[in-house]
Amino acid sequence: MKIKDIKKFSNAEKIILAEQLWDSVAKKEIELSDEIKNELDHRLQIIEEGKTEYYSWNDVKNHLKEIRK
């Protein structure tokens, strides 16, 4: 199958195909560099310590609009 052939599928078939593709990747062990592992550990730590700020999607969109002016 070629990528351009995907247009022939219904939305339901595309979703099933995407799920099958994801499952085939998710079952494999993904190698992470030490740098990425350290960054993920750091992010988890600051979340657990309550030092993380969370923003709503509307806040993010408004911020992006402001910086693009």
PDB file of N, CA and C in Angstrom:
ATOM      1  N   MET A   1       0.844  -1.179   0.000  1.00  0.00           N
ATOM      2  CA  MET A   1       0.000   0.000   0.000  1.00  0.00           C
ATOM      3  C   MET A   1       0.887   1.241   0.000  1.00  0.00           C
ATOM      4  N   LYS A   2       0.483   2.222  -0.759  1.00  0.00           N
ATOM      5  CA  LYS A   2       1.186   3.497  -0.802  1.00  0.00           C
ATOM      6  C   LYS A   2       0.403   4.511   0.025  1.00  0.00           C
ATOM      7  N   ILE A   3       1.101   5.500   0.529  1.00  0.00           N
ATOM      8  CA  ILE A   3       0.481   6.526   1.363  1.00  0.00           C
ATOM      9  C   ILE A   3      -0.705   7.169   0.645  1.00  0.00           C
ATOM     10  N   LYS A   4      -0.589   7.427  -0.636  1.00  0.00           N
ATOM     11  CA  LYS A   4      -1.684   8.077  -1.370  1.00  0.00           C
ATOM     12  C   LYS A   4      -2.943   7.217  -1.408  1.00  0.00           C
ATOM     13  N   ASP A   5      -2.815   5.904  -1.211  1.00  0.00           N
ATOM     14  CA  ASP A   5      -3.968   4.998  -1.204  1.00  0.00           C
ATOM     15  C   ASP A   5      -4.845   5.170   0.034  1.00  0.00           C
ATOM     16  N   ILE A   6      -4.349   5.838   1.054  1.00  0.00           N
ATOM     17  CA  ILE A   6      -5.112   6.022   2.291  1.00  0.00           C
ATOM     18  C   ILE A   6      -6.401   6.796   2.022  1.00  0.00           C
ATOM     19  N   LYS A   7      -6.412   7.654   1.030  1.00  0.00           N
ATOM     20  CA  LYS A   7      -7.603   8.438   0.701  1.00  0.00           C
ATOM     21  C   LYS A   7      -8.801   7.546   0.353  1.00  0.00           C
ATOM     22  N   LYS A   8      -8.532   6.320  -0.060  1.00  0.00           N
ATOM     23  CA  LYS A   8      -9.604   5.396  -0.443  1.00  0.00           C
ATOM     24  C   LYS A   8     -10.361   4.844   0.758  1.00  0.00           C
ATOM     25  N   PHE A   9      -9.744   4.889   1.943  1.00  0.00           N
ATOM     26  CA  PHE A   9     -10.344   4.297   3.138  1.00  0.00           C
ATOM     27  C   PHE A   9     -11.349   5.245   3.786  1.00  0.00           C
ATOM     28  N   SER A  10     -12.333   4.655   4.439  1.00  0.00           N
ATOM     29  CA  SER A  10     -13.277   5.457   5.226  1.00  0.00           C
ATOM     30  C   SER A  10     -12.567   5.938   6.490  1.00  0.00           C
ATOM     31  N   ASN A  11     -13.191   6.894   7.192  1.00  0.00           N
ATOM     32  CA  ASN A  11     -12.588   7.373   8.437  1.00  0.00           C
ATOM     33  C   ASN A  11     -12.446   6.246   9.450  1.00  0.00           C
ATOM     34  N   ALA A  12     -13.446   5.379   9.537  1.00  0.00           N
ATOM     35  CA  ALA A  12     -13.383   4.255  10.477  1.00  0.00           C
ATOM     36  C   ALA A  12     -12.210   3.341  10.142  1.00  0.00           C
ATOM     37  N   GLU A  13     -12.011   3.079   8.866  1.00  0.00           N
ATOM     38  CA  GLU A  13     -10.892   2.220   8.453  1.00  0.00           C
ATOM     39  C   GLU A  13      -9.547   2.882   8.740  1.00  0.00           C
ATOM     40  N   LYS A  14      -9.489   4.200   8.571  1.00  0.00           N
ATOM     41  CA  LYS A  14      -8.250   4.924   8.870  1.00  0.00           C
ATOM     42  C   LYS A  14      -7.919   4.853  10.357  1.00  0.00           C
ATOM     43  N   ILE A  15      -8.952   4.953  11.194  1.00  0.00           N
ATOM     44  CA  ILE A  15      -8.738   4.873  12.643  1.00  0.00           C
ATOM     45  C   ILE A  15      -8.218   3.496  13.020  1.00  0.00           C
ATOM     46  N   ILE A  16      -8.800   2.458  12.456  1.00  0.00           N
ATOM     47  CA  ILE A  16      -8.352   1.083  12.735  1.00  0.00           C
ATOM     48  C   ILE A  16      -6.910   0.903  12.279  1.00  0.00           C
ATOM     49  N   LEU A  17      -6.592   1.421  11.118  1.00  0.00           N
ATOM     50  CA  LEU A  17      -5.227   1.335  10.593  1.00  0.00           C
ATOM     51  C   LEU A  17      -4.247   2.070  11.513  1.00  0.00           C
ATOM     52  N   ALA A  18      -4.643   3.256  11.974  1.00  0.00           N
ATOM     53  CA  ALA A  18      -3.785   4.022  12.882  1.00  0.00           C
ATOM     54  C   ALA A  18      -3.576   3.269  14.190  1.00  0.00           C
ATOM     55  N   GLU A  19      -4.638   2.644  14.709  1.00  0.00           N
ATOM     56  CA  GLU A  19      -4.514   1.867  15.949  1.00  0.00           C
ATOM     57  C   GLU A  19      -3.565   0.689  15.759  1.00  0.00           C
ATOM     58  N   GLN A  20      -3.695   0.009  14.630  1.00  0.00           N
ATOM     59  CA  GLN A  20      -2.814  -1.126  14.362  1.00  0.00           C
ATOM     60  C   GLN A  20      -1.369  -0.680  14.223  1.00  0.00           C
ATOM     61  N   LEU A  21      -1.166   0.436  13.570  1.00  0.00           N
ATOM     62  CA  LEU A  21       0.186   0.979  13.416  1.00  0.00           C
ATOM     63  C   LEU A  21       0.764   1.357  14.776  1.00  0.00           C
ATOM     64  N   TRP A  22      -0.036   2.052  15.598  1.00  0.00           N
ATOM     65  CA  TRP A  22       0.417   2.448  16.931  1.00  0.00           C
ATOM     66  C   TRP A  22       0.749   1.228  17.776  1.00  0.00           C
ATOM     67  N   ASP A  23      -0.135   0.225  17.761  1.00  0.00           N
ATOM     68  CA  ASP A  23       0.107  -0.988  18.542  1.00  0.00           C
ATOM     69  C   ASP A  23       1.397  -1.682  18.127  1.00  0.00           C
ATOM     70  N   SER A  24       1.704  -1.660  16.845  1.00  0.00           N
ATOM     71  CA  SER A  24       2.925  -2.317  16.382  1.00  0.00           C
ATOM     72  C   SER A  24       4.167  -1.591  16.881  1.00  0.00           C
ATOM     73  N   VAL A  25       4.061  -0.285  17.077  1.00  0.00           N
ATOM     74  CA  VAL A  25       5.186   0.496  17.592  1.00  0.00           C
ATOM     75  C   VAL A  25       5.236   0.404  19.110  1.00  0.00           C
ATOM     76  N   ALA A  26       4.081   0.493  19.750  1.00  0.00           N
ATOM     77  CA  ALA A  26       4.021   0.532  21.212  1.00  0.00           C
ATOM     78  C   ALA A  26       4.514  -0.758  21.849  1.00  0.00           C
ATOM     79  N   LYS A  27       4.420  -1.856  21.147  1.00  0.00           N
ATOM     80  CA  LYS A  27       4.835  -3.138  21.714  1.00  0.00           C
ATOM     81  C   LYS A  27       6.354  -3.288  21.762  1.00  0.00           C
ATOM     82  N   LYS A  28       7.040  -2.477  21.008  1.00  0.00           N
ATOM     83  CA  LYS A  28       8.494  -2.568  20.963  1.00  0.00           C
ATOM     84  C   LYS A  28       9.112  -1.682  22.029  1.00  0.00           C
ATOM     85  N   GLU A  29      10.227  -2.107  22.525  1.00  0.00           N
ATOM     86  CA  GLU A  29      10.957  -1.311  23.514  1.00  0.00           C
ATOM     87  C   GLU A  29      11.558  -0.096  22.816  1.00  0.00           C
ATOM     88  N   ILE A  30      11.265   1.077  23.350  1.00  0.00           N
ATOM     89  CA  ILE A  30      11.785   2.301  22.767  1.00  0.00           C
ATOM     90  C   ILE A  30      13.016   2.724  23.562  1.00  0.00           C
ATOM     91  N   GLU A  31      14.089   2.946  22.856  1.00  0.00           N
ATOM     92  CA  GLU A  31      15.346   3.338  23.481  1.00  0.00           C
ATOM     93  C   GLU A  31      15.345   4.848  23.712  1.00  0.00           C
ATOM     94  N   LEU A  32      15.635   5.261  24.933  1.00  0.00           N
ATOM     95  CA  LEU A  32      15.758   6.673  25.263  1.00  0.00           C
ATOM     96  C   LEU A  32      17.190   6.957  25.687  1.00  0.00           C
ATOM     97  N   SER A  33      17.674   8.102  25.262  1.00  0.00           N
ATOM     98  CA  SER A  33      19.023   8.476  25.671  1.00  0.00           C
ATOM     99  C   SER A  33      19.001   8.834  27.155  1.00  0.00           C
ATOM    100  N   ASP A  34      20.167   8.831  27.777  1.00  0.00           N
ATOM    101  CA  ASP A  34      20.273   9.224  29.184  1.00  0.00           C
ATOM    102  C   ASP A  34      19.810  10.667  29.381  1.00  0.00           C
ATOM    103  N   GLU A  35      20.088  11.505  28.405  1.00  0.00           N
ATOM    104  CA  GLU A  35      19.679  12.914  28.487  1.00  0.00           C
ATOM    105  C   GLU A  35      18.155  13.032  28.554  1.00  0.00           C
ATOM    106  N   ILE A  36      17.464  12.280  27.726  1.00  0.00           N
ATOM    107  CA  ILE A  36      15.993  12.323  27.725  1.00  0.00           C
ATOM    108  C   ILE A  36      15.439  11.709  29.003  1.00  0.00           C
ATOM    109  N   LYS A  37      16.024  10.608  29.443  1.00  0.00           N
ATOM    110  CA  LYS A  37      15.577   9.992  30.701  1.00  0.00           C
ATOM    111  C   LYS A  37      15.727  10.966  31.864  1.00  0.00           C
ATOM    112  N   ASN A  38      16.852  11.656  31.914  1.00  0.00           N
ATOM    113  CA  ASN A  38      17.091  12.636  32.981  1.00  0.00           C
ATOM    114  C   ASN A  38      16.080  13.776  32.927  1.00  0.00           C
ATOM    115  N   GLU A  39      15.781  14.246  31.715  1.00  0.00           N
ATOM    116  CA  GLU A  39      14.816  15.331  31.566  1.00  0.00           C
ATOM    117  C   GLU A  39      13.425  14.879  32.015  1.00  0.00           C
ATOM    118  N   LEU A  40      13.024  13.682  31.638  1.00  0.00           N
ATOM    119  CA  LEU A  40      11.713  13.165  32.053  1.00  0.00           C
ATOM    120  C   LEU A  40      11.650  12.988  33.570  1.00  0.00           C
ATOM    121  N   ASP A  41      12.736  12.479  34.157  1.00  0.00           N
ATOM    122  CA  ASP A  41      12.788  12.341  35.620  1.00  0.00           C
ATOM    123  C   ASP A  41      12.677  13.702  36.296  1.00  0.00           C
ATOM    124  N   HIS A  42      13.351  14.695  35.735  1.00  0.00           N
ATOM    125  CA  HIS A  42      13.306  16.051  36.296  1.00  0.00           C
ATOM    126  C   HIS A  42      11.879  16.605  36.217  1.00  0.00           C
ATOM    127  N   ARG A  43      11.230  16.422  35.083  1.00  0.00           N
ATOM    128  CA  ARG A  43       9.858  16.921  34.929  1.00  0.00           C
ATOM    129  C   ARG A  43       8.900  16.244  35.904  1.00  0.00           C
ATOM    130  N   LEU A  44       9.049  14.937  36.074  1.00  0.00           N
ATOM    131  CA  LEU A  44       8.207  14.231  37.050  1.00  0.00           C
ATOM    132  C   LEU A  44       8.453  14.745  38.463  1.00  0.00           C
ATOM    133  N   GLN A  45       9.710  15.009  38.773  1.00  0.00           N
ATOM    134  CA  GLN A  45      10.062  15.494  40.108  1.00  0.00           C
ATOM    135  C   GLN A  45       9.407  16.840  40.397  1.00  0.00           C
ATOM    136  N   ILE A  46       9.483  17.776  39.450  1.00  0.00           N
ATOM    137  CA  ILE A  46       8.898  19.092  39.718  1.00  0.00           C
ATOM    138  C   ILE A  46       7.370  19.023  39.753  1.00  0.00           C
ATOM    139  N   ILE A  47       6.780  18.081  39.043  1.00  0.00           N
ATOM    140  CA  ILE A  47       5.328  17.887  39.144  1.00  0.00           C
ATOM    141  C   ILE A  47       4.974  17.386  40.537  1.00  0.00           C
ATOM    142  N   GLU A  48       5.717  16.374  41.001  1.00  0.00           N
ATOM    143  CA  GLU A  48       5.457  15.799  42.322  1.00  0.00           C
ATOM    144  C   GLU A  48       5.677  16.813  43.438  1.00  0.00           C
ATOM    145  N   GLU A  49       6.605  17.747  43.245  1.00  0.00           N
ATOM    146  CA  GLU A  49       6.895  18.768  44.248  1.00  0.00           C
ATOM    147  C   GLU A  49       5.941  19.952  44.154  1.00  0.00           C
ATOM    148  N   GLY A  50       5.041  19.937  43.195  1.00  0.00           N
ATOM    149  CA  GLY A  50       4.077  21.021  43.033  1.00  0.00           C
ATOM    150  C   GLY A  50       4.680  22.308  42.497  1.00  0.00           C
ATOM    151  N   LYS A  51       5.788  22.193  41.800  1.00  0.00           N
ATOM    152  CA  LYS A  51       6.489  23.370  41.283  1.00  0.00           C
ATOM    153  C   LYS A  51       6.174  23.646  39.811  1.00  0.00           C
ATOM    154  N   THR A  52       5.165  22.986  39.299  1.00  0.00           N
ATOM    155  CA  THR A  52       4.826  23.125  37.893  1.00  0.00           C
ATOM    156  C   THR A  52       3.582  23.983  37.733  1.00  0.00           C
ATOM    157  N   GLU A  53       3.611  24.878  36.765  1.00  0.00           N
ATOM    158  CA  GLU A  53       2.435  25.670  36.448  1.00  0.00           C
ATOM    159  C   GLU A  53       1.712  25.012  35.286  1.00  0.00           C
ATOM    160  N   TYR A  54       0.396  24.997  35.369  1.00  0.00           N
ATOM    161  CA  TYR A  54      -0.415  24.433  34.302  1.00  0.00           C
ATOM    162  C   TYR A  54      -1.207  25.547  33.651  1.00  0.00           C
ATOM    163  N   TYR A  55      -1.410  25.442  32.357  1.00  0.00           N
ATOM    164  CA  TYR A  55      -2.129  26.456  31.608  1.00  0.00           C
ATOM    165  C   TYR A  55      -3.266  25.799  30.837  1.00  0.00           C
ATOM    166  N   SER A  56      -4.389  26.499  30.750  1.00  0.00           N
ATOM    167  CA  SER A  56      -5.508  25.988  29.958  1.00  0.00           C
ATOM    168  C   SER A  56      -5.172  26.187  28.479  1.00  0.00           C
ATOM    169  N   TRP A  57      -5.885  25.489  27.630  1.00  0.00           N
ATOM    170  CA  TRP A  57      -5.664  25.627  26.198  1.00  0.00           C
ATOM    171  C   TRP A  57      -5.983  27.063  25.764  1.00  0.00           C
ATOM    172  N   ASN A  58      -7.001  27.667  26.364  1.00  0.00           N
ATOM    173  CA  ASN A  58      -7.325  29.058  26.035  1.00  0.00           C
ATOM    174  C   ASN A  58      -6.183  29.995  26.417  1.00  0.00           C
ATOM    175  N   ASP A  59      -5.552  29.758  27.568  1.00  0.00           N
ATOM    176  CA  ASP A  59      -4.397  30.570  27.974  1.00  0.00           C
ATOM    177  C   ASP A  59      -3.269  30.461  26.949  1.00  0.00           C
ATOM    178  N   VAL A  60      -3.027  29.255  26.496  1.00  0.00           N
ATOM    179  CA  VAL A  60      -1.952  29.023  25.521  1.00  0.00           C
ATOM    180  C   VAL A  60      -2.272  29.730  24.204  1.00  0.00           C
ATOM    181  N   LYS A  61      -3.509  29.586  23.727  1.00  0.00           N
ATOM    182  CA  LYS A  61      -3.896  30.241  22.474  1.00  0.00           C
ATOM    183  C   LYS A  61      -3.782  31.754  22.591  1.00  0.00           C
ATOM    184  N   ASN A  62      -4.237  32.313  23.702  1.00  0.00           N
ATOM    185  CA  ASN A  62      -4.142  33.761  23.899  1.00  0.00           C
ATOM    186  C   ASN A  62      -2.693  34.226  23.948  1.00  0.00           C
ATOM    187  N   HIS A  63      -1.854  33.457  24.599  1.00  0.00           N
ATOM    188  CA  HIS A  63      -0.430  33.798  24.659  1.00  0.00           C
ATOM    189  C   HIS A  63       0.183  33.797  23.261  1.00  0.00           C
ATOM    190  N   LEU A  64      -0.138  32.782  22.479  1.00  0.00           N
ATOM    191  CA  LEU A  64       0.403  32.707  21.106  1.00  0.00           C
ATOM    192  C   LEU A  64      -0.081  33.871  20.251  1.00  0.00           C
ATOM    193  N   LYS A  65      -1.337  34.262  20.420  1.00  0.00           N
ATOM    194  CA  LYS A  65      -1.865  35.410  19.678  1.00  0.00           C
ATOM    195  C   LYS A  65      -1.101  36.680  20.048  1.00  0.00           C
ATOM    196  N   GLU A  66      -0.807  36.832  21.336  1.00  0.00           N
ATOM    197  CA  GLU A  66      -0.099  38.015  21.809  1.00  0.00           C
ATOM    198  C   GLU A  66       1.326  38.101  21.265  1.00  0.00           C
ATOM    199  N   ILE A  67       2.026  37.003  21.251  1.00  0.00           N
ATOM    200  CA  ILE A  67       3.432  37.050  20.807  1.00  0.00           C
ATOM    201  C   ILE A  67       3.552  37.141  19.292  1.00  0.00           C
ATOM    202  N   ARG A  68       2.461  36.873  18.568  1.00  0.00           N
ATOM    203  CA  ARG A  68       2.489  36.967  17.103  1.00  0.00           C
ATOM    204  C   ARG A  68       2.116  38.340  16.586  1.00  0.00           C
ATOM    205  N   LYS A  69       1.741  39.239  17.473  1.00  0.00           N
ATOM    206  CA  LYS A  69       1.355  40.598  17.048  1.00  0.00           C
ATOM    207  C   LYS A  69       2.556  41.374  16.569  1.00  0.00           C
TER     208      LYS A  69
END
